[in-house]
C-alpha atoms as a PDB file:
ATOM      1  CA  MET A   1      -6.708   3.238  16.471  1.00  0.00           C
ATOM      2  CA  ARG A   2     -10.209   3.822  15.368  1.00  0.00           C
ATOM      3  CA  ILE A   3      -9.175   3.307  11.702  1.00  0.00           C
ATOM      4  CA  ILE A   4      -7.438  -0.083  12.312  1.00  0.00           C
ATOM      5  CA  SER A   5     -10.526  -1.296  14.514  1.00  0.00           C
ATOM      6  CA  LEU A   6     -12.777  -0.206  11.737  1.00  0.00           C
ATOM      7  CA  PHE A   7     -10.466  -1.982   9.184  1.00  0.00           C
ATOM      8  CA  LEU A   8     -10.354  -5.235  11.104  1.00  0.00           C
ATOM      9  CA  THR A   9     -14.066  -5.306  11.728  1.00  0.00           C
ATOM     10  CA  SER A  10     -14.767  -4.564   7.961  1.00  0.00           C
ATOM     11  CA  ILE A  11     -12.604  -7.396   6.774  1.00  0.00           C
ATOM     12  CA  ILE A  12     -14.270  -9.855   8.982  1.00  0.00           C
ATOM     13  CA  LEU A  13     -17.619  -8.301   7.815  1.00  0.00           C
ATOM     14  CA  LEU A  14     -16.457  -8.838   4.134  1.00  0.00           C
ATOM     15  CA  ALA A  15     -15.577 -12.256   4.762  1.00  0.00           C
ATOM     16  CA  VAL A  16     -18.828 -13.101   6.411  1.00  0.00           C
ATOM     17  CA  ILE A  17     -20.594 -11.731   3.541  1.00  0.00           C
ATOM     18  CA  GLY A  18     -18.962 -14.042   1.297  1.00  0.00           C
ATOM     19  CA  CYS A  19     -20.290 -16.783   3.246  1.00  0.00           C
ATOM     20  CA  GLY A  20     -23.895 -15.555   3.288  1.00  0.00           C
ATOM     21  CA  LYS A  21     -24.494 -16.057   7.048  1.00  0.00           C
ATOM     22  CA  LYS A  22     -27.122 -13.380   7.953  1.00  0.00           C
ATOM     23  CA  PRO A  23     -26.874 -13.718  11.858  1.00  0.00           C
ATOM     24  CA  GLU A  24     -23.061 -13.022  11.795  1.00  0.00           C
ATOM     25  CA  GLU A  25     -23.631 -10.166   9.468  1.00  0.00           C
ATOM     26  CA  THR A  26     -25.822  -8.551  12.024  1.00  0.00           C
ATOM     27  CA  LEU A  27     -23.306  -8.915  14.679  1.00  0.00           C
ATOM     28  CA  VAL A  28     -20.670  -7.248  12.791  1.00  0.00           C
ATOM     29  CA  GLU A  29     -23.082  -4.532  11.640  1.00  0.00           C
ATOM     30  CA  LYS A  30     -23.762  -3.960  15.515  1.00  0.00           C
ATOM     31  CA  ALA A  31     -20.033  -3.833  16.110  1.00  0.00           C
ATOM     32  CA  ILE A  32     -19.627  -1.059  13.457  1.00  0.00           C
ATOM     33  CA  GLN A  33     -22.718   0.828  15.076  1.00  0.00           C
ATOM     34  CA  ALA A  34     -20.976   0.488  18.514  1.00  0.00           C
ATOM     35  CA  GLN A  35     -17.922   2.604  17.034  1.00  0.00           C
ATOM     36  CA  PHE A  36     -19.901   4.852  14.862  1.00  0.00           C
ATOM     37  CA  GLY A  37     -23.274   5.374  16.776  1.00  0.00           C
ATOM     38  CA  ASP A  38     -26.730   3.682  16.637  1.00  0.00           C
ATOM     39  CA  ASN A  39     -27.639   6.031  13.748  1.00  0.00           C
ATOM     40  CA  ALA A  40     -24.921   4.893  11.614  1.00  0.00           C
ATOM     41  CA  LYS A  41     -26.222   3.510   8.097  1.00  0.00           C
ATOM     42  CA  ILE A  42     -24.497   0.597   6.763  1.00  0.00           C
ATOM     43  CA  GLU A  43     -24.717  -0.567   3.148  1.00  0.00           C
ATOM     44  CA  ILE A  44     -23.177  -3.833   2.261  1.00  0.00           C
ATOM     45  CA  SER A  45     -22.236  -5.181  -1.208  1.00  0.00           C
ATOM     46  CA  GLU A  46     -20.206  -8.280  -2.180  1.00  0.00           C
ATOM     47  CA  ASP A  47     -16.921  -6.544  -1.864  1.00  0.00           C
ATOM     48  CA  SER A  48     -17.514  -3.356   0.023  1.00  0.00           C
ATOM     49  CA  VAL A  49     -18.984  -1.717   3.050  1.00  0.00           C
ATOM     50  CA  SER A  50     -20.238   2.094   3.249  1.00  0.00           C
ATOM     51  CA  ILE A  51     -20.932   3.545   6.478  1.00  0.00           C
ATOM     52  CA  LYS A  52     -22.546   6.874   7.037  1.00  0.00           C
ATOM     53  CA  SER A  53     -22.549   8.638  10.252  1.00  0.00           C
ATOM     54  CA  GLU A  54     -22.519  12.016  11.970  1.00  0.00           C
ATOM     55  CA  ASP A  55     -18.748  11.880  11.442  1.00  0.00           C
ATOM     56  CA  GLY A  56     -19.071  11.539   7.707  1.00  0.00           C
ATOM     57  CA  LYS A  57     -18.874   8.533   5.481  1.00  0.00           C
ATOM     58  CA  ALA A  58     -16.443   5.614   5.358  1.00  0.00           C
ATOM     59  CA  LEU A  59     -16.080   3.319   2.504  1.00  0.00           C
ATOM     60  CA  ILE A  60     -14.211   0.048   2.790  1.00  0.00           C
ATOM     61  CA  THR A  61     -13.344  -2.175  -0.095  1.00  0.00           C
ATOM     62  CA  ALA A  62     -11.458  -5.576  -0.189  1.00  0.00           C
ATOM     63  CA  GLY A  63     -10.630  -8.191  -2.631  1.00  0.00           C
ATOM     64  CA  LYS A  64     -11.260  -7.887  -6.357  1.00  0.00           C
ATOM     65  CA  GLY A  65     -13.268  -4.822  -5.872  1.00  0.00           C
ATOM     66  CA  ALA A  66     -10.489  -2.850  -4.021  1.00  0.00           C
ATOM     67  CA  THR A  67      -8.493  -0.067  -5.910  1.00  0.00           C
ATOM     68  CA  ILE A  68      -6.743   3.053  -4.916  1.00  0.00           C
ATOM     69  CA  PRO A  69      -9.272   5.714  -4.067  1.00  0.00           C
ATOM     70  CA  LYS A  70      -9.874   8.254  -6.936  1.00  0.00           C
ATOM     71  CA  ASP A  71      -8.903  11.070  -4.430  1.00  0.00           C
ATOM     72  CA  PHE A  72      -5.846   9.435  -3.132  1.00  0.00           C
ATOM     73  CA  PRO A  73      -3.095  12.032  -2.765  1.00  0.00           C
ATOM     74  CA  SER A  74      -0.800  11.984  -5.751  1.00  0.00           C
ATOM     75  CA  ASP A  75       2.135  12.854  -3.525  1.00  0.00           C
ATOM     76  CA  ILE A  76       1.901   9.544  -1.836  1.00  0.00           C
ATOM     77  CA  TYR A  77       3.793   6.732  -3.637  1.00  0.00           C
ATOM     78  CA  VAL A  78       2.157   3.497  -4.225  1.00  0.00           C
ATOM     79  CA  TYR A  79       4.562   0.716  -4.899  1.00  0.00           C
ATOM     80  CA  PRO A  80       4.465  -0.101  -8.539  1.00  0.00           C
ATOM     81  CA  LYS A  81       4.994  -3.909  -8.203  1.00  0.00           C
ATOM     82  CA  SER A  82       2.071  -4.433  -5.992  1.00  0.00           C
ATOM     83  CA  GLY A  83      -1.650  -5.090  -6.072  1.00  0.00           C
ATOM     84  CA  VAL A  84      -4.603  -3.760  -3.807  1.00  0.00           C
ATOM     85  CA  GLU A  85      -5.757  -5.886  -1.159  1.00  0.00           C
ATOM     86  CA  ALA A  86      -8.119  -3.524   0.641  1.00  0.00           C
ATOM     87  CA  THR A  87      -8.843   0.228   1.222  1.00  0.00           C
ATOM     88  CA  ILE A  88     -10.592   2.419   3.786  1.00  0.00           C
ATOM     89  CA  ASP A  89     -11.740   5.868   2.667  1.00  0.00           C
ATOM     90  CA  MET A  90     -12.833   8.108   5.573  1.00  0.00           C
ATOM     91  CA  PRO A  91     -13.099  11.962   6.227  1.00  0.00           C
ATOM     92  CA  THR A  92     -10.214  11.763   8.726  1.00  0.00           C
ATOM     93  CA  GLY A  93      -7.776   9.584   6.611  1.00  0.00           C
ATOM     94  CA  LYS A  94      -7.102   6.797   4.237  1.00  0.00           C
ATOM     95  CA  MET A  95      -5.829   3.383   4.459  1.00  0.00           C
ATOM     96  CA  VAL A  96      -4.587   1.193   1.605  1.00  0.00           C
ATOM     97  CA  THR A  97      -3.240  -2.376   2.092  1.00  0.00           C
ATOM     98  CA  LEU A  98      -1.189  -3.725  -0.917  1.00  0.00           C
ATOM     99  CA  ILE A  99       0.586  -7.043  -1.585  1.00  0.00           C
ATOM    100  CA  SER A 100       3.800  -7.575  -3.518  1.00  0.00           C
ATOM    101  CA  SER A 101       6.153 -10.277  -4.300  1.00  0.00           C
ATOM    102  CA  ASP A 102       9.148  -8.104  -3.679  1.00  0.00           C
ATOM    103  CA  ASP A 103      11.064  -8.306  -0.181  1.00  0.00           C
ATOM    104  CA  VAL A 104      10.734  -5.712   2.787  1.00  0.00           C
ATOM    105  CA  GLY A 105      14.075  -4.255   2.267  1.00  0.00           C
ATOM    106  CA  THR A 106      13.620  -3.280  -1.518  1.00  0.00           C
ATOM    107  CA  ILE A 107      10.040  -1.777  -0.852  1.00  0.00           C
ATOM    108  CA  ALA A 108      11.259   0.185   2.207  1.00  0.00           C
ATOM    109  CA  ALA A 109      14.263   1.644   0.292  1.00  0.00           C
ATOM    110  CA  ALA A 110      11.689   2.633  -2.536  1.00  0.00           C
ATOM    111  CA  TYR A 111       9.446   4.279  -0.224  1.00  0.00           C
ATOM    112  CA  LYS A 112      12.119   6.309   1.542  1.00  0.00           C
ATOM    113  CA  LYS A 113      13.454   7.652  -1.846  1.00  0.00           C
ATOM    114  CA  GLU A 114      10.241   8.184  -3.457  1.00  0.00           C
ATOM    115  CA  MET A 115       8.417   9.970  -0.513  1.00  0.00           C
ATOM    116  CA  SER A 116      11.440  12.092   0.121  1.00  0.00           C
ATOM    117  CA  SER A 117      11.413  13.289  -3.424  1.00  0.00           C
ATOM    118  CA  LYS A 118       7.707  14.149  -3.127  1.00  0.00           C
ATOM    119  CA  GLY A 119       8.520  16.453  -0.107  1.00  0.00           C
ATOM    120  CA  TRP A 120       7.679  14.171   2.806  1.00  0.00           C
ATOM    121  CA  LYS A 121       9.957  14.273   5.886  1.00  0.00           C
ATOM    122  CA  GLU A 122      10.884  11.200   7.683  1.00  0.00           C
ATOM    123  CA  GLN A 123      10.014  11.363  11.481  1.00  0.00           C
ATOM    124  CA  THR A 124      10.708   7.642  12.349  1.00  0.00           C
ATOM    125  CA  SER A 125      12.162   4.571  10.687  1.00  0.00           C
ATOM    126  CA  MET A 126      12.280   1.266  12.348  1.00  0.00           C
ATOM    127  CA  ASN A 127      13.382  -2.015  11.014  1.00  0.00           C
ATOM    128  CA  VAL A 128      12.319  -4.920  13.385  1.00  0.00           C
ATOM    129  CA  GLU A 129      12.556  -8.531  12.723  1.00  0.00           C
ATOM    130  CA  GLY A 130      11.488  -8.397   8.958  1.00  0.00           C
ATOM    131  CA  GLN A 131       9.024  -5.509   9.685  1.00  0.00           C
ATOM    132  CA  HIS A 132       9.767  -2.029   8.376  1.00  0.00           C
ATOM    133  CA  VAL A 133       8.034   1.032   9.830  1.00  0.00           C
ATOM    134  CA  LEU A 134       8.163   4.657   8.385  1.00  0.00           C
ATOM    135  CA  ILE A 135       6.266   7.483   9.773  1.00  0.00           C
ATOM    136  CA  LEU A 136       6.535  10.713   7.507  1.00  0.00           C
ATOM    137  CA  GLN A 137       5.063  14.046   7.712  1.00  0.00           C
ATOM    138  CA  LYS A 138       4.327  16.865   5.104  1.00  0.00           C
ATOM    139  CA  ASP A 139       2.519  19.992   6.177  1.00  0.00           C
ATOM    140  CA  GLU A 140      -0.488  18.790   8.252  1.00  0.00           C
ATOM    141  CA  ARG A 141      -0.500  15.365   6.999  1.00  0.00           C
ATOM    142  CA  ALA A 142       1.158  12.245   8.470  1.00  0.00           C
ATOM    143  CA  ILE A 143       1.535   8.794   6.977  1.00  0.00           C
ATOM    144  CA  ASN A 144       2.641   5.542   8.583  1.00  0.00           C
ATOM    145  CA  ILE A 145       3.969   3.094   6.186  1.00  0.00           C
ATOM    146  CA  THR A 146       4.401  -0.472   7.451  1.00  0.00           C
ATOM    147  CA  ILE A 147       5.890  -3.121   5.437  1.00  0.00           C
ATOM    148  CA  ILE A 148       5.813  -6.746   6.780  1.00  0.00           C
ATOM    149  CA  LYS A 149       7.035  -9.948   5.214  1.00  0.00           C
ATOM    150  CA  ASP A 150       4.092 -12.218   4.166  1.00  0.00           C
ATOM    151  CA  ASP A 151       5.197 -15.741   5.369  1.00  0.00           C
ATOM    152  CA  LYS A 152       2.481 -17.472   3.211  1.00  0.00           C
ATOM    153  CA  THR A 153       3.890 -15.980  -0.142  1.00  0.00           C
ATOM    154  CA  GLY A 154       7.346 -14.955   0.636  1.00  0.00           C
ATOM    155  CA  GLY A 155       6.448 -11.473  -0.471  1.00  0.00           C
ATOM    156  CA  SER A 156       5.416  -8.602   1.545  1.00  0.00           C
ATOM    157  CA  ARG A 157       2.414  -6.699   2.644  1.00  0.00           C
ATOM    158  CA  ILE A 158       2.403  -2.975   2.694  1.00  0.00           C
ATOM    159  CA  ALA A 159       0.040  -0.859   4.840  1.00  0.00           C
ATOM    160  CA  LEU A 160      -0.309   2.936   4.079  1.00  0.00           C
ATOM    161  CA  MET A 161      -2.319   4.813   6.675  1.00  0.00           C
ATOM    162  CA  MET A 162      -2.679   8.470   6.102  1.00  0.00           C
ATOM    163  CA  THR A 163      -4.351  11.067   8.469  1.00  0.00           C
ATOM    164  CA  GLN A 164      -5.423  14.422   7.194  1.00  0.00           C
END
């Protein structure tokens, strides 16, 4: 839950940074420090936020600067007809949000096939009202893959949340 809360806080922070509103930036920094402790060091650039705390370092990127982290596990399938919207790289896991023009069913079928071929075991699969959720496990790692319809574009959004 902490990774999702951090992700949402960071997206808000990146939006505020784009507006250049210093008071709001300070409020979001305080929210991040509330999660990571008062000693958390926060570095902000145009398209990323870096947080260093006792727990380690988190790097959040969004927009044009967002790319798949260099150390992203090669056994996790990244849908080829997608673009990176945002990423979170933390010591406890990684989150990548992708956007695609393909439909939810096509993407879900590709993830089931590709992840199985890479040794991941399906724990749960749910398809409810245009949203597909897959939970897979391999060794000590788990990944939650959520694919939802993007009503604005008619395509889909893919969230890959991996814990280590």
